[in-house]
Amino acid sequence: MNAIDERDIESYKDYLSDDCTMQINNDPPVSGKDQIITHLASLWTLYKEDTHDLLNIYGTDSSFSSEIINHFVLEDGKEIPINAVACTDRNEEGLLTSVRLYADFSPLFSKA
């Protein structure tokens, strides 16, 4: 989460397994490190900054769900808070193998 808050895409890439998949809501899954990074970079053009408040984590070290409030800041300084749930799986090395993110991003898309 810190790598994403800092918009450090290369650092975030280090947390992904080569065969990681990411799916946001009902969008088709994105597979592979480079494809995920490209997808995230395109999403990051919609806002200037994003910070997270972690509310809860449920599960184990290798498979868990987290409840988060994303605080998106637009170029004009307006903040849009959006609640989200992320379901995450990690391999034995601790690398992410799967991330499924669920949130209603329509307030962000309508303002961007």
PDB file of N, CA and C in Angstrom:
ATOM      1  N   MET A   1       0.819  -1.188   0.000  1.00  0.00           N
ATOM      2  CA  MET A   1       0.000   0.000   0.000  1.00  0.00           C
ATOM      3  C   MET A   1       0.869   1.261   0.000  1.00  0.00           C
ATOM      4  N   ASN A   2       2.002   1.210   0.706  1.00  0.00           N
ATOM      5  CA  ASN A   2       2.885   2.382   0.729  1.00  0.00           C
ATOM      6  C   ASN A   2       3.426   2.703  -0.662  1.00  0.00           C
ATOM      7  N   ALA A   3       3.777   1.671  -1.424  1.00  0.00           N
ATOM      8  CA  ALA A   3       4.290   1.898  -2.778  1.00  0.00           C
ATOM      9  C   ALA A   3       3.228   2.580  -3.637  1.00  0.00           C
ATOM     10  N   ILE A   4       1.982   2.186  -3.471  1.00  0.00           N
ATOM     11  CA  ILE A   4       0.901   2.811  -4.244  1.00  0.00           C
ATOM     12  C   ILE A   4       0.671   4.241  -3.766  1.00  0.00           C
ATOM     13  N   ASP A   5       0.658   4.464  -2.461  1.00  0.00           N
ATOM     14  CA  ASP A   5       0.488   5.822  -1.936  1.00  0.00           C
ATOM     15  C   ASP A   5       1.597   6.757  -2.422  1.00  0.00           C
ATOM     16  N   GLU A   6       2.792   6.220  -2.554  1.00  0.00           N
ATOM     17  CA  GLU A   6       3.923   7.025  -3.014  1.00  0.00           C
ATOM     18  C   GLU A   6       4.013   7.077  -4.540  1.00  0.00           C
ATOM     19  N   ARG A   7       3.098   6.374  -5.212  1.00  0.00           N
ATOM     20  CA  ARG A   7       3.078   6.303  -6.681  1.00  0.00           C
ATOM     21  C   ARG A   7       4.411   5.785  -7.222  1.00  0.00           C
ATOM     22  N   ASP A   8       4.956   4.824  -6.495  1.00  0.00           N
ATOM     23  CA  ASP A   8       6.225   4.212  -6.881  1.00  0.00           C
ATOM     24  C   ASP A   8       5.920   2.894  -7.596  1.00  0.00           C
ATOM     25  N   ILE A   9       5.634   3.004  -8.877  1.00  0.00           N
ATOM     26  CA  ILE A   9       5.176   1.858  -9.656  1.00  0.00           C
ATOM     27  C   ILE A   9       6.228   0.758  -9.732  1.00  0.00           C
ATOM     28  N   GLU A  10       7.492   1.128  -9.803  1.00  0.00           N
ATOM     29  CA  GLU A  10       8.555   0.120  -9.885  1.00  0.00           C
ATOM     30  C   GLU A  10       8.686  -0.643  -8.569  1.00  0.00           C
ATOM     31  N   SER A  11       8.519   0.044  -7.466  1.00  0.00           N
ATOM     32  CA  SER A  11       8.555  -0.626  -6.169  1.00  0.00           C
ATOM     33  C   SER A  11       7.372  -1.578  -6.029  1.00  0.00           C
ATOM     34  N   TYR A  12       6.183  -1.144  -6.464  1.00  0.00           N
ATOM     35  CA  TYR A  12       5.001  -2.006  -6.400  1.00  0.00           C
ATOM     36  C   TYR A  12       5.213  -3.259  -7.245  1.00  0.00           C
ATOM     37  N   LYS A  13       5.850  -3.101  -8.391  1.00  0.00           N
ATOM     38  CA  LYS A  13       6.120  -4.228  -9.287  1.00  0.00           C
ATOM     39  C   LYS A  13       6.929  -5.319  -8.571  1.00  0.00           C
ATOM     40  N   ASP A  14       7.809  -4.907  -7.665  1.00  0.00           N
ATOM     41  CA  ASP A  14       8.637  -5.867  -6.918  1.00  0.00           C
ATOM     42  C   ASP A  14       7.814  -6.774  -6.016  1.00  0.00           C
ATOM     43  N   TYR A  15       6.584  -6.370  -5.691  1.00  0.00           N
ATOM     44  CA  TYR A  15       5.718  -7.180  -4.826  1.00  0.00           C
ATOM     45  C   TYR A  15       4.878  -8.194  -5.616  1.00  0.00           C
ATOM     46  N   LEU A  16       4.936  -8.140  -6.947  1.00  0.00           N
ATOM     47  CA  LEU A  16       4.107  -8.999  -7.791  1.00  0.00           C
ATOM     48  C   LEU A  16       4.867 -10.232  -8.249  1.00  0.00           C
ATOM     49  N   SER A  17       4.198 -11.383  -8.227  1.00  0.00           N
ATOM     50  CA  SER A  17       4.774 -12.568  -8.854  1.00  0.00           C
ATOM     51  C   SER A  17       4.671 -12.394 -10.372  1.00  0.00           C
ATOM     52  N   ASP A  18       5.492 -13.124 -11.108  1.00  0.00           N
ATOM     53  CA  ASP A  18       5.479 -13.006 -12.571  1.00  0.00           C
ATOM     54  C   ASP A  18       4.116 -13.331 -13.159  1.00  0.00           C
ATOM     55  N   ASP A  19       3.382 -14.250 -12.519  1.00  0.00           N
ATOM     56  CA  ASP A  19       2.091 -14.699 -13.048  1.00  0.00           C
ATOM     57  C   ASP A  19       0.897 -14.101 -12.288  1.00  0.00           C
ATOM     58  N   CYS A  20       1.125 -12.999 -11.603  1.00  0.00           N
ATOM     59  CA  CYS A  20       0.065 -12.349 -10.827  1.00  0.00           C
ATOM     60  C   CYS A  20      -1.092 -11.938 -11.734  1.00  0.00           C
ATOM     61  N   THR A  21      -2.305 -11.983 -11.190  1.00  0.00           N
ATOM     62  CA  THR A  21      -3.482 -11.460 -11.883  1.00  0.00           C
ATOM     63  C   THR A  21      -4.126 -10.400 -11.001  1.00  0.00           C
ATOM     64  N   MET A  22      -4.701  -9.397 -11.650  1.00  0.00           N
ATOM     65  CA  MET A  22      -5.419  -8.337 -10.940  1.00  0.00           C
ATOM     66  C   MET A  22      -6.749  -8.119 -11.646  1.00  0.00           C
ATOM     67  N   GLN A  23      -7.798  -8.048 -10.846  1.00  0.00           N
ATOM     68  CA  GLN A  23      -9.115  -7.779 -11.400  1.00  0.00           C
ATOM     69  C   GLN A  23      -9.777  -6.701 -10.568  1.00  0.00           C
ATOM     70  N   ILE A  24     -10.335  -5.699 -11.248  1.00  0.00           N
ATOM     71  CA  ILE A  24     -11.049  -4.619 -10.578  1.00  0.00           C
ATOM     72  C   ILE A  24     -12.516  -4.718 -10.977  1.00  0.00           C
ATOM     73  N   ASN A  25     -13.354  -4.993  -9.987  1.00  0.00           N
ATOM     74  CA  ASN A  25     -14.799  -5.158 -10.191  1.00  0.00           C
ATOM     75  C   ASN A  25     -15.062  -6.196 -11.281  1.00  0.00           C
ATOM     76  N   ASN A  26     -15.886  -5.856 -12.258  1.00  0.00           N
ATOM     77  CA  ASN A  26     -16.237  -6.803 -13.317  1.00  0.00           C
ATOM     78  C   ASN A  26     -15.363  -6.660 -14.560  1.00  0.00           C
ATOM     79  N   ASP A  27     -14.308  -5.854 -14.478  1.00  0.00           N
ATOM     80  CA  ASP A  27     -13.392  -5.732 -15.610  1.00  0.00           C
ATOM     81  C   ASP A  27     -12.693  -7.066 -15.851  1.00  0.00           C
ATOM     82  N   PRO A  28     -12.259  -7.323 -17.060  1.00  0.00           N
ATOM     83  CA  PRO A  28     -11.492  -8.545 -17.305  1.00  0.00           C
ATOM     84  C   PRO A  28     -10.207  -8.535 -16.476  1.00  0.00           C
ATOM     85  N   PRO A  29      -9.764  -9.692 -16.001  1.00  0.00           N
ATOM     86  CA  PRO A  29      -8.513  -9.747 -15.243  1.00  0.00           C
ATOM     87  C   PRO A  29      -7.328  -9.326 -16.110  1.00  0.00           C
ATOM     88  N   VAL A  30      -6.360  -8.728 -15.469  1.00  0.00           N
ATOM     89  CA  VAL A  30      -5.097  -8.361 -16.108  1.00  0.00           C
ATOM     90  C   VAL A  30      -4.049  -9.318 -15.546  1.00  0.00           C
ATOM     91  N   SER A  31      -3.299  -9.970 -16.418  1.00  0.00           N
ATOM     92  CA  SER A  31      -2.339 -10.990 -15.987  1.00  0.00           C
ATOM     93  C   SER A  31      -0.919 -10.600 -16.341  1.00  0.00           C
ATOM     94  N   GLY A  32      -0.011 -10.864 -15.421  1.00  0.00           N
ATOM     95  CA  GLY A  32       1.406 -10.600 -15.628  1.00  0.00           C
ATOM     96  C   GLY A  32       1.826  -9.269 -15.044  1.00  0.00           C
ATOM     97  N   LYS A  33       3.040  -9.269 -14.507  1.00  0.00           N
ATOM     98  CA  LYS A  33       3.600  -8.081 -13.857  1.00  0.00           C
ATOM     99  C   LYS A  33       3.530  -6.828 -14.730  1.00  0.00           C
ATOM    100  N   ASP A  34       4.083  -6.922 -15.930  1.00  0.00           N
ATOM    101  CA  ASP A  34       4.163  -5.743 -16.796  1.00  0.00           C
ATOM    102  C   ASP A  34       2.785  -5.234 -17.194  1.00  0.00           C
ATOM    103  N   GLN A  35       1.859  -6.138 -17.459  1.00  0.00           N
ATOM    104  CA  GLN A  35       0.511  -5.734 -17.845  1.00  0.00           C
ATOM    105  C   GLN A  35      -0.209  -5.047 -16.681  1.00  0.00           C
ATOM    106  N   ILE A  36      -0.011  -5.560 -15.478  1.00  0.00           N
ATOM    107  CA  ILE A  36      -0.623  -4.946 -14.292  1.00  0.00           C
ATOM    108  C   ILE A  36      -0.066  -3.542 -14.080  1.00  0.00           C
ATOM    109  N   ILE A  37       1.236  -3.391 -14.207  1.00  0.00           N
ATOM    110  CA  ILE A  37       1.862  -2.089 -14.016  1.00  0.00           C
ATOM    111  C   ILE A  37       1.370  -1.102 -15.068  1.00  0.00           C
ATOM    112  N   THR A  38       1.258  -1.540 -16.307  1.00  0.00           N
ATOM    113  CA  THR A  38       0.740  -0.674 -17.378  1.00  0.00           C
ATOM    114  C   THR A  38      -0.696  -0.257 -17.080  1.00  0.00           C
ATOM    115  N   HIS A  39      -1.503  -1.212 -16.612  1.00  0.00           N
ATOM    116  CA  HIS A  39      -2.902  -0.923 -16.283  1.00  0.00           C
ATOM    117  C   HIS A  39      -2.994   0.090 -15.130  1.00  0.00           C
ATOM    118  N   LEU A  40      -2.220  -0.129 -14.078  1.00  0.00           N
ATOM    119  CA  LEU A  40      -2.245   0.802 -12.943  1.00  0.00           C
ATOM    120  C   LEU A  40      -1.772   2.188 -13.362  1.00  0.00           C
ATOM    121  N   ALA A  41      -0.732   2.247 -14.163  1.00  0.00           N
ATOM    122  CA  ALA A  41      -0.215   3.550 -14.606  1.00  0.00           C
ATOM    123  C   ALA A  41      -1.279   4.323 -15.380  1.00  0.00           C
ATOM    124  N   SER A  42      -2.077   3.622 -16.176  1.00  0.00           N
ATOM    125  CA  SER A  42      -3.143   4.317 -16.917  1.00  0.00           C
ATOM    126  C   SER A  42      -4.230   4.823 -15.967  1.00  0.00           C
ATOM    127  N   LEU A  43      -4.538   4.057 -14.932  1.00  0.00           N
ATOM    128  CA  LEU A  43      -5.526   4.511 -13.950  1.00  0.00           C
ATOM    129  C   LEU A  43      -5.028   5.715 -13.166  1.00  0.00           C
ATOM    130  N   TRP A  44      -3.733   5.754 -12.906  1.00  0.00           N
ATOM    131  CA  TRP A  44      -3.163   6.842 -12.111  1.00  0.00           C
ATOM    132  C   TRP A  44      -3.245   8.185 -12.823  1.00  0.00           C
ATOM    133  N   THR A  45      -3.540   8.193 -14.106  1.00  0.00           N
ATOM    134  CA  THR A  45      -3.683   9.467 -14.819  1.00  0.00           C
ATOM    135  C   THR A  45      -4.993  10.158 -14.456  1.00  0.00           C
ATOM    136  N   LEU A  46      -5.917   9.443 -13.803  1.00  0.00           N
ATOM    137  CA  LEU A  46      -7.221  10.007 -13.456  1.00  0.00           C
ATOM    138  C   LEU A  46      -7.188  10.906 -12.221  1.00  0.00           C
ATOM    139  N   TYR A  47      -6.121  10.830 -11.447  1.00  0.00           N
ATOM    140  CA  TYR A  47      -6.043  11.605 -10.210  1.00  0.00           C
ATOM    141  C   TYR A  47      -4.590  11.946  -9.906  1.00  0.00           C
ATOM    142  N   LYS A  48      -4.428  12.927  -9.026  1.00  0.00           N
ATOM    143  CA  LYS A  48      -3.091  13.413  -8.684  1.00  0.00           C
ATOM    144  C   LYS A  48      -2.462  12.595  -7.565  1.00  0.00           C
ATOM    145  N   GLU A  49      -3.288  12.095  -6.665  1.00  0.00           N
ATOM    146  CA  GLU A  49      -2.759  11.456  -5.467  1.00  0.00           C
ATOM    147  C   GLU A  49      -3.806  10.489  -4.913  1.00  0.00           C
ATOM    148  N   ASP A  50      -3.331   9.453  -4.235  1.00  0.00           N
ATOM    149  CA  ASP A  50      -4.214   8.464  -3.621  1.00  0.00           C
ATOM    150  C   ASP A  50      -3.561   7.986  -2.336  1.00  0.00           C
ATOM    151  N   THR A  51      -4.258   8.125  -1.235  1.00  0.00           N
ATOM    152  CA  THR A  51      -3.785   7.565   0.027  1.00  0.00           C
ATOM    153  C   THR A  51      -4.842   6.604   0.542  1.00  0.00           C
ATOM    154  N   HIS A  52      -4.433   5.744   1.448  1.00  0.00           N
ATOM    155  CA  HIS A  52      -5.312   4.687   1.937  1.00  0.00           C
ATOM    156  C   HIS A  52      -5.398   4.716   3.453  1.00  0.00           C
ATOM    157  N   ASP A  53      -6.602   4.495   3.951  1.00  0.00           N
ATOM    158  CA  ASP A  53      -6.815   4.220   5.371  1.00  0.00           C
ATOM    159  C   ASP A  53      -7.222   2.763   5.472  1.00  0.00           C
ATOM    160  N   LEU A  54      -6.383   1.960   6.078  1.00  0.00           N
ATOM    161  CA  LEU A  54      -6.677   0.546   6.274  1.00  0.00           C
ATOM    162  C   LEU A  54      -7.583   0.405   7.488  1.00  0.00           C
ATOM    163  N   LEU A  55      -8.777  -0.151   7.269  1.00  0.00           N
ATOM    164  CA  LEU A  55      -9.750  -0.294   8.356  1.00  0.00           C
ATOM    165  C   LEU A  55      -9.684  -1.666   8.999  1.00  0.00           C
ATOM    166  N   ASN A  56      -9.615  -2.721   8.183  1.00  0.00           N
ATOM    167  CA  ASN A  56      -9.618  -4.098   8.694  1.00  0.00           C
ATOM    168  C   ASN A  56      -8.876  -5.022   7.742  1.00  0.00           C
ATOM    169  N   ILE A  57      -8.302  -6.083   8.302  1.00  0.00           N
ATOM    170  CA  ILE A  57      -7.719  -7.168   7.510  1.00  0.00           C
ATOM    171  C   ILE A  57      -8.240  -8.471   8.102  1.00  0.00           C
ATOM    172  N   TYR A  58      -8.708  -9.357   7.222  1.00  0.00           N
ATOM    173  CA  TYR A  58      -9.233 -10.656   7.644  1.00  0.00           C
ATOM    174  C   TYR A  58      -8.532 -11.750   6.854  1.00  0.00           C
ATOM    175  N   GLY A  59      -8.113 -12.808   7.508  1.00  0.00           N
ATOM    176  CA  GLY A  59      -7.528 -13.937   6.810  1.00  0.00           C
ATOM    177  C   GLY A  59      -6.185 -14.325   7.387  1.00  0.00           C
ATOM    178  N   THR A  60      -5.327 -14.845   6.509  1.00  0.00           N
ATOM    179  CA  THR A  60      -3.999 -15.307   6.893  1.00  0.00           C
ATOM    180  C   THR A  60      -2.945 -14.500   6.144  1.00  0.00           C
ATOM    181  N   ASP A  61      -1.679 -14.775   6.421  1.00  0.00           N
ATOM    182  CA  ASP A  61      -0.609 -14.072   5.710  1.00  0.00           C
ATOM    183  C   ASP A  61      -0.616 -14.351   4.211  1.00  0.00           C
ATOM    184  N   SER A  62      -1.135 -15.510   3.820  1.00  0.00           N
ATOM    185  CA  SER A  62      -1.091 -15.876   2.400  1.00  0.00           C
ATOM    186  C   SER A  62      -2.387 -15.594   1.649  1.00  0.00           C
ATOM    187  N   SER A  63      -3.476 -15.387   2.352  1.00  0.00           N
ATOM    188  CA  SER A  63      -4.765 -15.136   1.705  1.00  0.00           C
ATOM    189  C   SER A  63      -5.605 -14.266   2.637  1.00  0.00           C
ATOM    190  N   PHE A  64      -5.864 -13.044   2.200  1.00  0.00           N
ATOM    191  CA  PHE A  64      -6.554 -12.118   3.101  1.00  0.00           C
ATOM    192  C   PHE A  64      -7.405 -11.123   2.332  1.00  0.00           C
ATOM    193  N   SER A  65      -8.341 -10.546   3.045  1.00  0.00           N
ATOM    194  CA  SER A  65      -9.177  -9.459   2.527  1.00  0.00           C
ATOM    195  C   SER A  65      -8.942  -8.236   3.386  1.00  0.00           C
ATOM    196  N   SER A  66      -8.922  -7.092   2.755  1.00  0.00           N
ATOM    197  CA  SER A  66      -8.728  -5.852   3.497  1.00  0.00           C
ATOM    198  C   SER A  66      -9.814  -4.852   3.134  1.00  0.00           C
ATOM    199  N   GLU A  67     -10.254  -4.140   4.142  1.00  0.00           N
ATOM    200  CA  GLU A  67     -11.245  -3.076   3.976  1.00  0.00           C
ATOM    201  C   GLU A  67     -10.493  -1.751   4.064  1.00  0.00           C
ATOM    202  N   ILE A  68     -10.662  -0.920   3.040  1.00  0.00           N
ATOM    203  CA  ILE A  68      -9.840   0.272   2.898  1.00  0.00           C
ATOM    204  C   ILE A  68     -10.710   1.456   2.489  1.00  0.00           C
ATOM    205  N   ILE A  69     -10.328   2.643   2.922  1.00  0.00           N
ATOM    206  CA  ILE A  69     -10.879   3.868   2.347  1.00  0.00           C
ATOM    207  C   ILE A  69      -9.771   4.481   1.501  1.00  0.00           C
ATOM    208  N   ASN A  70     -10.031   4.611   0.202  1.00  0.00           N
ATOM    209  CA  ASN A  70      -9.115   5.286  -0.711  1.00  0.00           C
ATOM    210  C   ASN A  70      -9.467   6.766  -0.703  1.00  0.00           C
ATOM    211  N   HIS A  71      -8.460   7.602  -0.587  1.00  0.00           N
ATOM    212  CA  HIS A  71      -8.665   9.052  -0.655  1.00  0.00           C
ATOM    213  C   HIS A  71      -7.995   9.539  -1.941  1.00  0.00           C
ATOM    214  N   PHE A  72      -8.797   9.720  -2.986  1.00  0.00           N
ATOM    215  CA  PHE A  72      -8.291  10.199  -4.260  1.00  0.00           C
ATOM    216  C   PHE A  72      -8.316  11.720  -4.265  1.00  0.00           C
ATOM    217  N   VAL A  73      -7.232  12.331  -4.708  1.00  0.00           N
ATOM    218  CA  VAL A  73      -7.151  13.783  -4.830  1.00  0.00           C
ATOM    219  C   VAL A  73      -7.003  14.108  -6.309  1.00  0.00           C
ATOM    220  N   LEU A  74      -7.922  14.924  -6.807  1.00  0.00           N
ATOM    221  CA  LEU A  74      -7.903  15.316  -8.211  1.00  0.00           C
ATOM    222  C   LEU A  74      -6.930  16.482  -8.418  1.00  0.00           C
ATOM    223  N   GLU A  75      -6.683  16.800  -9.672  1.00  0.00           N
ATOM    224  CA  GLU A  75      -5.763  17.894 -10.014  1.00  0.00           C
ATOM    225  C   GLU A  75      -6.196  19.224  -9.398  1.00  0.00           C
ATOM    226  N   ASP A  76      -7.519  19.428  -9.227  1.00  0.00           N
ATOM    227  CA  ASP A  76      -8.014  20.682  -8.652  1.00  0.00           C
ATOM    228  C   ASP A  76      -7.991  20.687  -7.124  1.00  0.00           C
ATOM    229  N   GLY A  77      -7.485  19.600  -6.515  1.00  0.00           N
ATOM    230  CA  GLY A  77      -7.389  19.515  -5.060  1.00  0.00           C
ATOM    231  C   GLY A  77      -8.591  18.879  -4.392  1.00  0.00           C
ATOM    232  N   LYS A  78      -9.664  18.634  -5.133  1.00  0.00           N
ATOM    233  CA  LYS A  78     -10.856  18.012  -4.552  1.00  0.00           C
ATOM    234  C   LYS A  78     -10.540  16.570  -4.174  1.00  0.00           C
ATOM    235  N   GLU A  79     -10.959  16.177  -2.950  1.00  0.00           N
ATOM    236  CA  GLU A  79     -10.746  14.808  -2.477  1.00  0.00           C
ATOM    237  C   GLU A  79     -12.024  14.002  -2.622  1.00  0.00           C
ATOM    238  N   ILE A  80     -11.865  12.771  -3.099  1.00  0.00           N
ATOM    239  CA  ILE A  80     -12.993  11.861  -3.240  1.00  0.00           C
ATOM    240  C   ILE A  80     -12.669  10.585  -2.471  1.00  0.00           C
ATOM    241  N   PRO A  81     -13.331  10.362  -1.315  1.00  0.00           N
ATOM    242  CA  PRO A  81     -13.106   9.116  -0.578  1.00  0.00           C
ATOM    243  C   PRO A  81     -13.978   7.999  -1.156  1.00  0.00           C
ATOM    244  N   ILE A  82     -13.383   6.826  -1.316  1.00  0.00           N
ATOM    245  CA  ILE A  82     -14.114   5.674  -1.852  1.00  0.00           C
ATOM    246  C   ILE A  82     -13.756   4.442  -1.025  1.00  0.00           C
ATOM    247  N   ASN A  83     -14.779   3.781  -0.487  1.00  0.00           N
ATOM    248  CA  ASN A  83     -14.569   2.537   0.253  1.00  0.00           C
ATOM    249  C   ASN A  83     -14.284   1.405  -0.713  1.00  0.00           C
ATOM    250  N   ALA A  84     -13.383   0.506  -0.319  1.00  0.00           N
ATOM    251  CA  ALA A  84     -13.015  -0.619  -1.180  1.00  0.00           C
ATOM    252  C   ALA A  84     -12.705  -1.842  -0.340  1.00  0.00           C
ATOM    253  N   VAL A  85     -12.807  -2.993  -0.988  1.00  0.00           N
ATOM    254  CA  VAL A  85     -12.370  -4.260  -0.407  1.00  0.00           C
ATOM    255  C   VAL A  85     -11.427  -4.906  -1.408  1.00  0.00           C
ATOM    256  N   ALA A  86     -10.299  -5.376  -0.923  1.00  0.00           N
ATOM    257  CA  ALA A  86      -9.339  -6.077  -1.770  1.00  0.00           C
ATOM    258  C   ALA A  86      -9.133  -7.482  -1.216  1.00  0.00           C
ATOM    259  N   CYS A  87      -9.261  -8.464  -2.088  1.00  0.00           N
ATOM    260  CA  CYS A  87      -8.974  -9.860  -1.738  1.00  0.00           C
ATOM    261  C   CYS A  87      -7.625 -10.203  -2.362  1.00  0.00           C
ATOM    262  N   THR A  88      -6.691 -10.641  -1.538  1.00  0.00           N
ATOM    263  CA  THR A  88      -5.305 -10.785  -1.971  1.00  0.00           C
ATOM    264  C   THR A  88      -4.776 -12.170  -1.617  1.00  0.00           C
ATOM    265  N   ASP A  89      -4.012 -12.743  -2.550  1.00  0.00           N
ATOM    266  CA  ASP A  89      -3.324 -14.011  -2.312  1.00  0.00           C
ATOM    267  C   ASP A  89      -1.839 -13.816  -2.547  1.00  0.00           C
ATOM    268  N   ARG A  90      -1.016 -14.487  -1.727  1.00  0.00           N
ATOM    269  CA  ARG A  90       0.440 -14.415  -1.865  1.00  0.00           C
ATOM    270  C   ARG A  90       1.019 -15.825  -1.903  1.00  0.00           C
ATOM    271  N   ASN A  91       2.157 -15.954  -2.567  1.00  0.00           N
ATOM    272  CA  ASN A  91       2.841 -17.247  -2.625  1.00  0.00           C
ATOM    273  C   ASN A  91       3.778 -17.415  -1.438  1.00  0.00           C
ATOM    274  N   GLU A  92       4.528 -18.513  -1.433  1.00  0.00           N
ATOM    275  CA  GLU A  92       5.424 -18.812  -0.309  1.00  0.00           C
ATOM    276  C   GLU A  92       6.507 -17.754  -0.123  1.00  0.00           C
ATOM    277  N   GLU A  93       6.870 -17.067  -1.214  1.00  0.00           N
ATOM    278  CA  GLU A  93       7.881 -16.009  -1.128  1.00  0.00           C
ATOM    279  C   GLU A  93       7.291 -14.676  -0.678  1.00  0.00           C
ATOM    280  N   GLY A  94       5.983 -14.635  -0.514  1.00  0.00           N
ATOM    281  CA  GLY A  94       5.317 -13.411  -0.082  1.00  0.00           C
ATOM    282  C   GLY A  94       4.917 -12.494  -1.225  1.00  0.00           C
ATOM    283  N   LEU A  95       5.104 -12.938  -2.486  1.00  0.00           N
ATOM    284  CA  LEU A  95       4.735 -12.122  -3.636  1.00  0.00           C
ATOM    285  C   LEU A  95       3.249 -12.260  -3.938  1.00  0.00           C
ATOM    286  N   LEU A  96       2.651 -11.185  -4.420  1.00  0.00           N
ATOM    287  CA  LEU A  96       1.230 -11.213  -4.763  1.00  0.00           C
ATOM    288  C   LEU A  96       1.003 -12.095  -5.981  1.00  0.00           C
ATOM    289  N   THR A  97       0.041 -13.005  -5.861  1.00  0.00           N
ATOM    290  CA  THR A  97      -0.332 -13.862  -6.995  1.00  0.00           C
ATOM    291  C   THR A  97      -1.700 -13.493  -7.548  1.00  0.00           C
ATOM    292  N   SER A  98      -2.516 -12.836  -6.722  1.00  0.00           N
ATOM    293  CA  SER A  98      -3.855 -12.458  -7.153  1.00  0.00           C
ATOM    294  C   SER A  98      -4.356 -11.311  -6.292  1.00  0.00           C
ATOM    295  N   VAL A  99      -4.926 -10.297  -6.970  1.00  0.00           N
ATOM    296  CA  VAL A  99      -5.567  -9.183  -6.278  1.00  0.00           C
ATOM    297  C   VAL A  99      -6.899  -8.937  -6.959  1.00  0.00           C
ATOM    298  N   ARG A 100      -7.980  -8.985  -6.176  1.00  0.00           N
ATOM    299  CA  ARG A 100      -9.314  -8.661  -6.677  1.00  0.00           C
ATOM    300  C   ARG A 100      -9.829  -7.493  -5.865  1.00  0.00           C
ATOM    301  N   LEU A 101     -10.092  -6.398  -6.554  1.00  0.00           N
ATOM    302  CA  LEU A 101     -10.477  -5.159  -5.898  1.00  0.00           C
ATOM    303  C   LEU A 101     -11.925  -4.837  -6.236  1.00  0.00           C
ATOM    304  N   TYR A 102     -12.689  -4.518  -5.203  1.00  0.00           N
ATOM    305  CA  TYR A 102     -14.108  -4.215  -5.375  1.00  0.00           C
ATOM    306  C   TYR A 102     -14.417  -2.857  -4.751  1.00  0.00           C
ATOM    307  N   ALA A 103     -14.924  -1.937  -5.584  1.00  0.00           N
ATOM    308  CA  ALA A 103     -15.282  -0.599  -5.116  1.00  0.00           C
ATOM    309  C   ALA A 103     -16.150   0.065  -6.181  1.00  0.00           C
ATOM    310  N   ASP A 104     -16.902   1.047  -5.756  1.00  0.00           N
ATOM    311  CA  ASP A 104     -17.685   1.856  -6.696  1.00  0.00           C
ATOM    312  C   ASP A 104     -16.862   3.098  -7.026  1.00  0.00           C
ATOM    313  N   PHE A 105     -16.184   3.056  -8.171  1.00  0.00           N
ATOM    314  CA  PHE A 105     -15.325   4.161  -8.585  1.00  0.00           C
ATOM    315  C   PHE A 105     -16.062   5.224  -9.394  1.00  0.00           C
ATOM    316  N   SER A 106     -17.385   5.113  -9.530  1.00  0.00           N
ATOM    317  CA  SER A 106     -18.118   6.069 -10.368  1.00  0.00           C
ATOM    318  C   SER A 106     -17.936   7.523  -9.893  1.00  0.00           C
ATOM    319  N   PRO A 107     -17.842   7.821  -8.579  1.00  0.00           N
ATOM    320  CA  PRO A 107     -17.606   9.218  -8.200  1.00  0.00           C
ATOM    321  C   PRO A 107     -16.255   9.747  -8.735  1.00  0.00           C
ATOM    322  N   LEU A 108     -15.271   8.889  -8.788  1.00  0.00           N
ATOM    323  CA  LEU A 108     -13.967   9.292  -9.303  1.00  0.00           C
ATOM    324  C   LEU A 108     -14.037   9.517 -10.819  1.00  0.00           C
ATOM    325  N   PHE A 109     -14.654   8.570 -11.532  1.00  0.00           N
ATOM    326  CA  PHE A 109     -14.716   8.677 -12.983  1.00  0.00           C
ATOM    327  C   PHE A 109     -15.584   9.845 -13.438  1.00  0.00           C
ATOM    328  N   SER A 110     -16.620  10.169 -12.673  1.00  0.00           N
ATOM    329  CA  SER A 110     -17.493  11.282 -13.068  1.00  0.00           C
ATOM    330  C   SER A 110     -16.800  12.632 -12.882  1.00  0.00           C
ATOM    331  N   LYS A 111     -15.818  12.699 -11.985  1.00  0.00           N
ATOM    332  CA  LYS A 111     -15.108  13.960 -11.734  1.00  0.00           C
ATOM    333  C   LYS A 111     -13.837  14.085 -12.561  1.00  0.00           C
ATOM    334  N   ALA A 112     -13.264  12.959 -12.973  1.00  0.00           N
ATOM    335  CA  ALA A 112     -11.977  12.986 -13.688  1.00  0.00           C
ATOM    336  C   ALA A 112     -12.156  13.408 -15.128  1.00  0.00           C
TER     337      ALA A 112
END
